[in-house]
Amino acid sequence: MDRNGELSVLDKYRSLKVDLLKAGHHGSKTASDPTFIKEIDPKMAWISAGRNNRYHHPNEETLKTFRGNQVKVFNTQTLGMVKYDYRNNQNGNFAWKLQEKD
């Protein structure tokens, strides 16, 4: 979702709060609007971006927004694939698996 979409969500769901945010568009500066991030107050953000990608995602502006709002960032570039196990309405667990470079 881009910044306009995020702000539209805030218009519709004014009291929305989240624990974990899947950052939009690989952590691009076209997503993660500072107002949106502040309002939804995520504790963690997951950024899905490939290593050494040609767009240099995630963008430093986006990372700065997260840092400024005390959001812990998990990035697939450095942590690898993410898996979340959630069963029977119990708390889930994250697992990360970094693929070795060829």
N, C-alpha and C. Protein backbone atom coordinates (compact mmCIF):
# COMPACT_ATOMS: atom_id res chain seq x y z
N MET A 1 0.85 -1.16 0.00
CA MET A 1 0.00 0.00 0.00
C MET A 1 0.91 1.24 0.00
N ASP A 2 0.56 2.22 -0.78
CA ASP A 2 1.33 3.47 -0.80
C ASP A 2 0.83 4.41 0.28
N ARG A 3 1.48 5.58 0.39
CA ARG A 3 1.14 6.53 1.45
C ARG A 3 -0.32 6.98 1.39
N ASN A 4 -0.84 7.23 0.19
CA ASN A 4 -2.24 7.64 0.07
C ASN A 4 -3.17 6.55 0.59
N GLY A 5 -2.87 5.31 0.27
CA GLY A 5 -3.67 4.20 0.78
C GLY A 5 -3.62 4.10 2.29
N GLU A 6 -2.43 4.29 2.84
CA GLU A 6 -2.29 4.24 4.30
C GLU A 6 -3.14 5.31 4.97
N LEU A 7 -3.09 6.52 4.42
CA LEU A 7 -3.88 7.62 5.00
C LEU A 7 -5.37 7.39 4.83
N SER A 8 -5.77 6.72 3.75
CA SER A 8 -7.18 6.35 3.56
C SER A 8 -7.63 5.36 4.63
N VAL A 9 -6.75 4.43 4.97
CA VAL A 9 -7.06 3.47 6.04
C VAL A 9 -7.28 4.22 7.35
N LEU A 10 -6.43 5.21 7.63
CA LEU A 10 -6.60 6.00 8.86
C LEU A 10 -7.92 6.74 8.88
N ASP A 11 -8.35 7.25 7.71
CA ASP A 11 -9.64 7.94 7.64
C ASP A 11 -10.79 7.01 7.98
N LYS A 12 -10.67 5.76 7.54
CA LYS A 12 -11.76 4.81 7.75
C LYS A 12 -11.70 4.17 9.15
N TYR A 13 -10.50 3.90 9.64
CA TYR A 13 -10.32 3.23 10.93
C TYR A 13 -9.48 4.12 11.83
N ARG A 14 -10.11 5.13 12.40
CA ARG A 14 -9.42 6.18 13.15
C ARG A 14 -8.68 5.70 14.40
N SER A 15 -9.09 4.62 14.99
CA SER A 15 -8.43 4.16 16.22
C SER A 15 -7.61 2.89 15.99
N LEU A 16 -7.24 2.63 14.75
CA LEU A 16 -6.48 1.42 14.41
C LEU A 16 -5.11 1.43 15.08
N LYS A 17 -4.79 0.35 15.76
CA LYS A 17 -3.47 0.12 16.37
C LYS A 17 -3.01 -1.26 15.95
N VAL A 18 -1.71 -1.42 15.73
CA VAL A 18 -1.19 -2.72 15.32
C VAL A 18 0.05 -3.06 16.14
N ASP A 19 0.33 -4.34 16.26
CA ASP A 19 1.57 -4.79 16.90
C ASP A 19 2.66 -4.96 15.85
N LEU A 20 2.32 -5.60 14.73
CA LEU A 20 3.28 -5.90 13.68
C LEU A 20 2.78 -5.35 12.35
N LEU A 21 3.62 -4.60 11.68
CA LEU A 21 3.29 -4.03 10.38
C LEU A 21 4.15 -4.66 9.31
N LYS A 22 3.55 -5.14 8.24
CA LYS A 22 4.30 -5.54 7.05
C LYS A 22 4.45 -4.25 6.26
N ALA A 23 5.67 -3.70 6.22
CA ALA A 23 5.93 -2.42 5.56
C ALA A 23 5.58 -2.51 4.08
N GLY A 24 4.98 -1.45 3.57
CA GLY A 24 4.58 -1.41 2.18
C GLY A 24 5.75 -1.25 1.23
N HIS A 25 5.59 -1.78 0.06
CA HIS A 25 6.50 -1.63 -1.08
C HIS A 25 7.97 -1.77 -0.73
N HIS A 26 8.32 -2.85 -0.04
CA HIS A 26 9.72 -3.22 0.24
C HIS A 26 10.47 -2.16 1.05
N GLY A 27 9.74 -1.33 1.79
CA GLY A 27 10.39 -0.29 2.58
C GLY A 27 10.73 0.95 1.76
N SER A 28 10.04 1.10 0.63
CA SER A 28 10.25 2.26 -0.23
C SER A 28 9.79 3.54 0.45
N LYS A 29 10.29 4.68 -0.03
CA LYS A 29 9.85 5.96 0.53
C LYS A 29 8.43 6.32 0.09
N THR A 30 7.85 5.53 -0.81
CA THR A 30 6.47 5.78 -1.24
C THR A 30 5.46 5.17 -0.28
N ALA A 31 5.95 4.52 0.76
CA ALA A 31 5.06 3.91 1.76
C ALA A 31 5.55 4.30 3.16
N SER A 32 4.84 3.82 4.16
CA SER A 32 5.17 4.08 5.57
C SER A 32 5.17 5.58 5.88
N ASP A 33 4.05 6.21 5.56
CA ASP A 33 3.87 7.63 5.84
C ASP A 33 4.06 7.89 7.34
N PRO A 34 4.83 8.91 7.71
CA PRO A 34 5.08 9.18 9.13
C PRO A 34 3.81 9.33 9.96
N THR A 35 2.79 9.97 9.41
CA THR A 35 1.52 10.13 10.14
C THR A 35 0.87 8.76 10.37
N PHE A 36 0.88 7.93 9.36
CA PHE A 36 0.31 6.58 9.46
C PHE A 36 1.04 5.78 10.53
N ILE A 37 2.36 5.78 10.48
CA ILE A 37 3.14 5.01 11.44
C ILE A 37 2.89 5.50 12.86
N LYS A 38 2.88 6.79 13.04
CA LYS A 38 2.64 7.34 14.39
C LYS A 38 1.26 6.94 14.91
N GLU A 39 0.26 7.00 14.05
CA GLU A 39 -1.12 6.71 14.49
C GLU A 39 -1.35 5.24 14.78
N ILE A 40 -0.83 4.35 13.95
CA ILE A 40 -1.10 2.92 14.17
C ILE A 40 -0.18 2.34 15.24
N ASP A 41 0.93 3.03 15.53
CA ASP A 41 1.82 2.69 16.64
C ASP A 41 2.29 1.23 16.64
N PRO A 42 2.90 0.77 15.53
CA PRO A 42 3.38 -0.61 15.53
C PRO A 42 4.57 -0.78 16.45
N LYS A 43 4.71 -1.95 17.01
CA LYS A 43 5.88 -2.28 17.83
C LYS A 43 7.00 -2.83 16.97
N MET A 44 6.62 -3.50 15.87
CA MET A 44 7.58 -4.12 14.96
C MET A 44 7.13 -3.87 13.52
N ALA A 45 8.10 -3.80 12.62
CA ALA A 45 7.81 -3.72 11.19
C ALA A 45 8.66 -4.76 10.47
N TRP A 46 8.04 -5.42 9.53
CA TRP A 46 8.72 -6.43 8.73
C TRP A 46 8.86 -5.86 7.34
N ILE A 47 10.09 -5.79 6.85
CA ILE A 47 10.37 -5.29 5.50
C ILE A 47 10.86 -6.46 4.67
N SER A 48 10.17 -6.71 3.56
CA SER A 48 10.57 -7.76 2.64
C SER A 48 11.30 -7.10 1.47
N ALA A 49 12.62 -7.27 1.43
CA ALA A 49 13.43 -6.70 0.35
C ALA A 49 14.61 -7.62 0.08
N GLY A 50 14.93 -7.79 -1.18
CA GLY A 50 16.05 -8.64 -1.56
C GLY A 50 17.39 -7.99 -1.27
N ARG A 51 18.39 -8.83 -1.07
CA ARG A 51 19.75 -8.33 -0.86
C ARG A 51 20.25 -7.60 -2.09
N ASN A 52 20.94 -6.49 -1.88
CA ASN A 52 21.58 -5.74 -2.97
C ASN A 52 20.62 -5.44 -4.12
N ASN A 53 19.36 -5.12 -3.81
CA ASN A 53 18.38 -4.86 -4.86
C ASN A 53 18.69 -3.53 -5.55
N ARG A 54 18.32 -3.44 -6.81
CA ARG A 54 18.68 -2.27 -7.62
C ARG A 54 17.97 -0.99 -7.19
N TYR A 55 16.92 -1.10 -6.38
CA TYR A 55 16.20 0.09 -5.92
C TYR A 55 16.70 0.57 -4.56
N HIS A 56 17.62 -0.17 -3.98
CA HIS A 56 18.20 0.16 -2.68
C HIS A 56 17.15 0.22 -1.56
N HIS A 57 16.16 -0.69 -1.67
CA HIS A 57 15.17 -0.81 -0.60
C HIS A 57 15.79 -1.58 0.56
N PRO A 58 15.44 -1.27 1.77
CA PRO A 58 14.53 -0.21 2.18
C PRO A 58 15.20 1.16 2.12
N ASN A 59 14.37 2.17 1.95
CA ASN A 59 14.84 3.54 1.85
C ASN A 59 15.20 4.08 3.23
N GLU A 60 16.25 4.88 3.30
CA GLU A 60 16.70 5.43 4.58
C GLU A 60 15.61 6.29 5.23
N GLU A 61 14.82 7.00 4.42
CA GLU A 61 13.74 7.82 4.95
C GLU A 61 12.73 6.96 5.72
N THR A 62 12.42 5.81 5.15
CA THR A 62 11.49 4.89 5.80
C THR A 62 12.08 4.35 7.10
N LEU A 63 13.34 3.96 7.07
CA LEU A 63 13.99 3.46 8.28
C LEU A 63 14.03 4.53 9.36
N LYS A 64 14.26 5.77 8.96
CA LYS A 64 14.29 6.89 9.91
C LYS A 64 12.90 7.07 10.55
N THR A 65 11.85 6.94 9.75
CA THR A 65 10.48 7.03 10.27
C THR A 65 10.25 5.97 11.33
N PHE A 66 10.68 4.74 11.05
CA PHE A 66 10.52 3.67 12.03
C PHE A 66 11.34 3.94 13.29
N ARG A 67 12.59 4.33 13.13
CA ARG A 67 13.42 4.62 14.30
C ARG A 67 12.81 5.74 15.15
N GLY A 68 12.32 6.77 14.49
CA GLY A 68 11.73 7.91 15.20
C GLY A 68 10.48 7.56 15.98
N ASN A 69 9.86 6.44 15.63
CA ASN A 69 8.65 5.98 16.32
C ASN A 69 8.90 4.73 17.15
N GLN A 70 10.16 4.45 17.42
CA GLN A 70 10.57 3.30 18.22
C GLN A 70 9.98 1.98 17.72
N VAL A 71 10.02 1.80 16.40
CA VAL A 71 9.53 0.57 15.79
C VAL A 71 10.74 -0.32 15.49
N LYS A 72 10.72 -1.53 16.03
CA LYS A 72 11.79 -2.48 15.77
C LYS A 72 11.60 -3.05 14.36
N VAL A 73 12.66 -3.00 13.55
CA VAL A 73 12.57 -3.41 12.16
C VAL A 73 13.23 -4.77 11.95
N PHE A 74 12.52 -5.64 11.25
CA PHE A 74 13.04 -6.92 10.81
C PHE A 74 13.09 -6.87 9.29
N ASN A 75 14.25 -7.16 8.72
CA ASN A 75 14.46 -7.01 7.28
C ASN A 75 14.90 -8.34 6.69
N THR A 76 14.18 -8.79 5.67
CA THR A 76 14.54 -10.07 5.06
C THR A 76 15.90 -10.01 4.36
N GLN A 77 16.40 -8.82 4.05
CA GLN A 77 17.73 -8.70 3.46
C GLN A 77 18.79 -9.28 4.37
N THR A 78 18.65 -9.02 5.65
CA THR A 78 19.67 -9.44 6.59
C THR A 78 19.27 -10.67 7.40
N LEU A 79 17.98 -10.90 7.54
CA LEU A 79 17.51 -12.04 8.33
C LEU A 79 17.05 -13.22 7.51
N GLY A 80 16.72 -12.98 6.24
CA GLY A 80 16.26 -14.06 5.37
C GLY A 80 14.75 -14.24 5.44
N MET A 81 14.31 -15.41 4.99
CA MET A 81 12.88 -15.71 4.96
C MET A 81 12.30 -15.68 6.36
N VAL A 82 11.04 -15.28 6.44
CA VAL A 82 10.38 -15.26 7.74
C VAL A 82 9.25 -16.28 7.74
N LYS A 83 9.08 -16.91 8.89
CA LYS A 83 7.99 -17.86 9.08
C LYS A 83 7.36 -17.51 10.42
N TYR A 84 6.05 -17.48 10.46
CA TYR A 84 5.34 -17.21 11.71
C TYR A 84 4.38 -18.36 11.95
N ASP A 85 4.56 -19.06 13.05
CA ASP A 85 3.67 -20.16 13.42
C ASP A 85 2.64 -19.64 14.41
N TYR A 86 1.37 -19.83 14.05
CA TYR A 86 0.26 -19.40 14.89
C TYR A 86 -0.79 -20.49 14.85
N ARG A 87 -1.08 -21.04 16.01
CA ARG A 87 -2.04 -22.15 16.05
C ARG A 87 -2.99 -22.01 17.23
N ASN A 88 -4.24 -22.33 16.98
CA ASN A 88 -5.25 -22.45 18.04
C ASN A 88 -5.33 -21.22 18.94
N ASN A 89 -5.31 -20.04 18.35
CA ASN A 89 -5.44 -18.79 19.09
C ASN A 89 -4.38 -18.62 20.19
N GLN A 90 -3.24 -19.21 20.02
CA GLN A 90 -2.13 -19.06 20.96
C GLN A 90 -1.13 -18.06 20.38
N ASN A 91 -0.27 -17.51 21.24
CA ASN A 91 0.79 -16.65 20.74
C ASN A 91 1.66 -17.42 19.76
N GLY A 92 2.07 -16.75 18.71
CA GLY A 92 2.87 -17.39 17.69
C GLY A 92 4.35 -17.17 17.90
N ASN A 93 5.12 -17.76 17.01
CA ASN A 93 6.57 -17.65 17.05
C ASN A 93 7.10 -17.30 15.67
N PHE A 94 8.10 -16.40 15.63
CA PHE A 94 8.79 -16.07 14.40
C PHE A 94 10.01 -16.95 14.25
N ALA A 95 10.32 -17.29 13.02
CA ALA A 95 11.57 -17.99 12.71
C ALA A 95 12.13 -17.34 11.45
N TRP A 96 13.43 -17.15 11.43
CA TRP A 96 14.10 -16.53 10.29
C TRP A 96 15.14 -17.50 9.76
N LYS A 97 15.27 -17.54 8.44
CA LYS A 97 16.27 -18.41 7.85
C LYS A 97 16.99 -17.66 6.74
N LEU A 98 18.23 -17.31 6.98
CA LEU A 98 19.02 -16.60 6.00
C LEU A 98 19.64 -17.59 5.04
N GLN A 99 19.37 -17.41 3.76
CA GLN A 99 19.97 -18.24 2.74
C GLN A 99 21.40 -17.79 2.50
N GLU A 100 22.29 -18.71 2.38
CA GLU A 100 23.69 -18.38 2.12
C GLU A 100 23.83 -17.89 0.67
N LYS A 101 24.73 -16.95 0.48
CA LYS A 101 24.99 -16.44 -0.87
C LYS A 101 25.74 -17.50 -1.66
N ASP A 102 25.45 -17.56 -2.95
CA ASP A 102 26.18 -18.52 -3.81
C ASP A 102 27.53 -17.96 -4.19
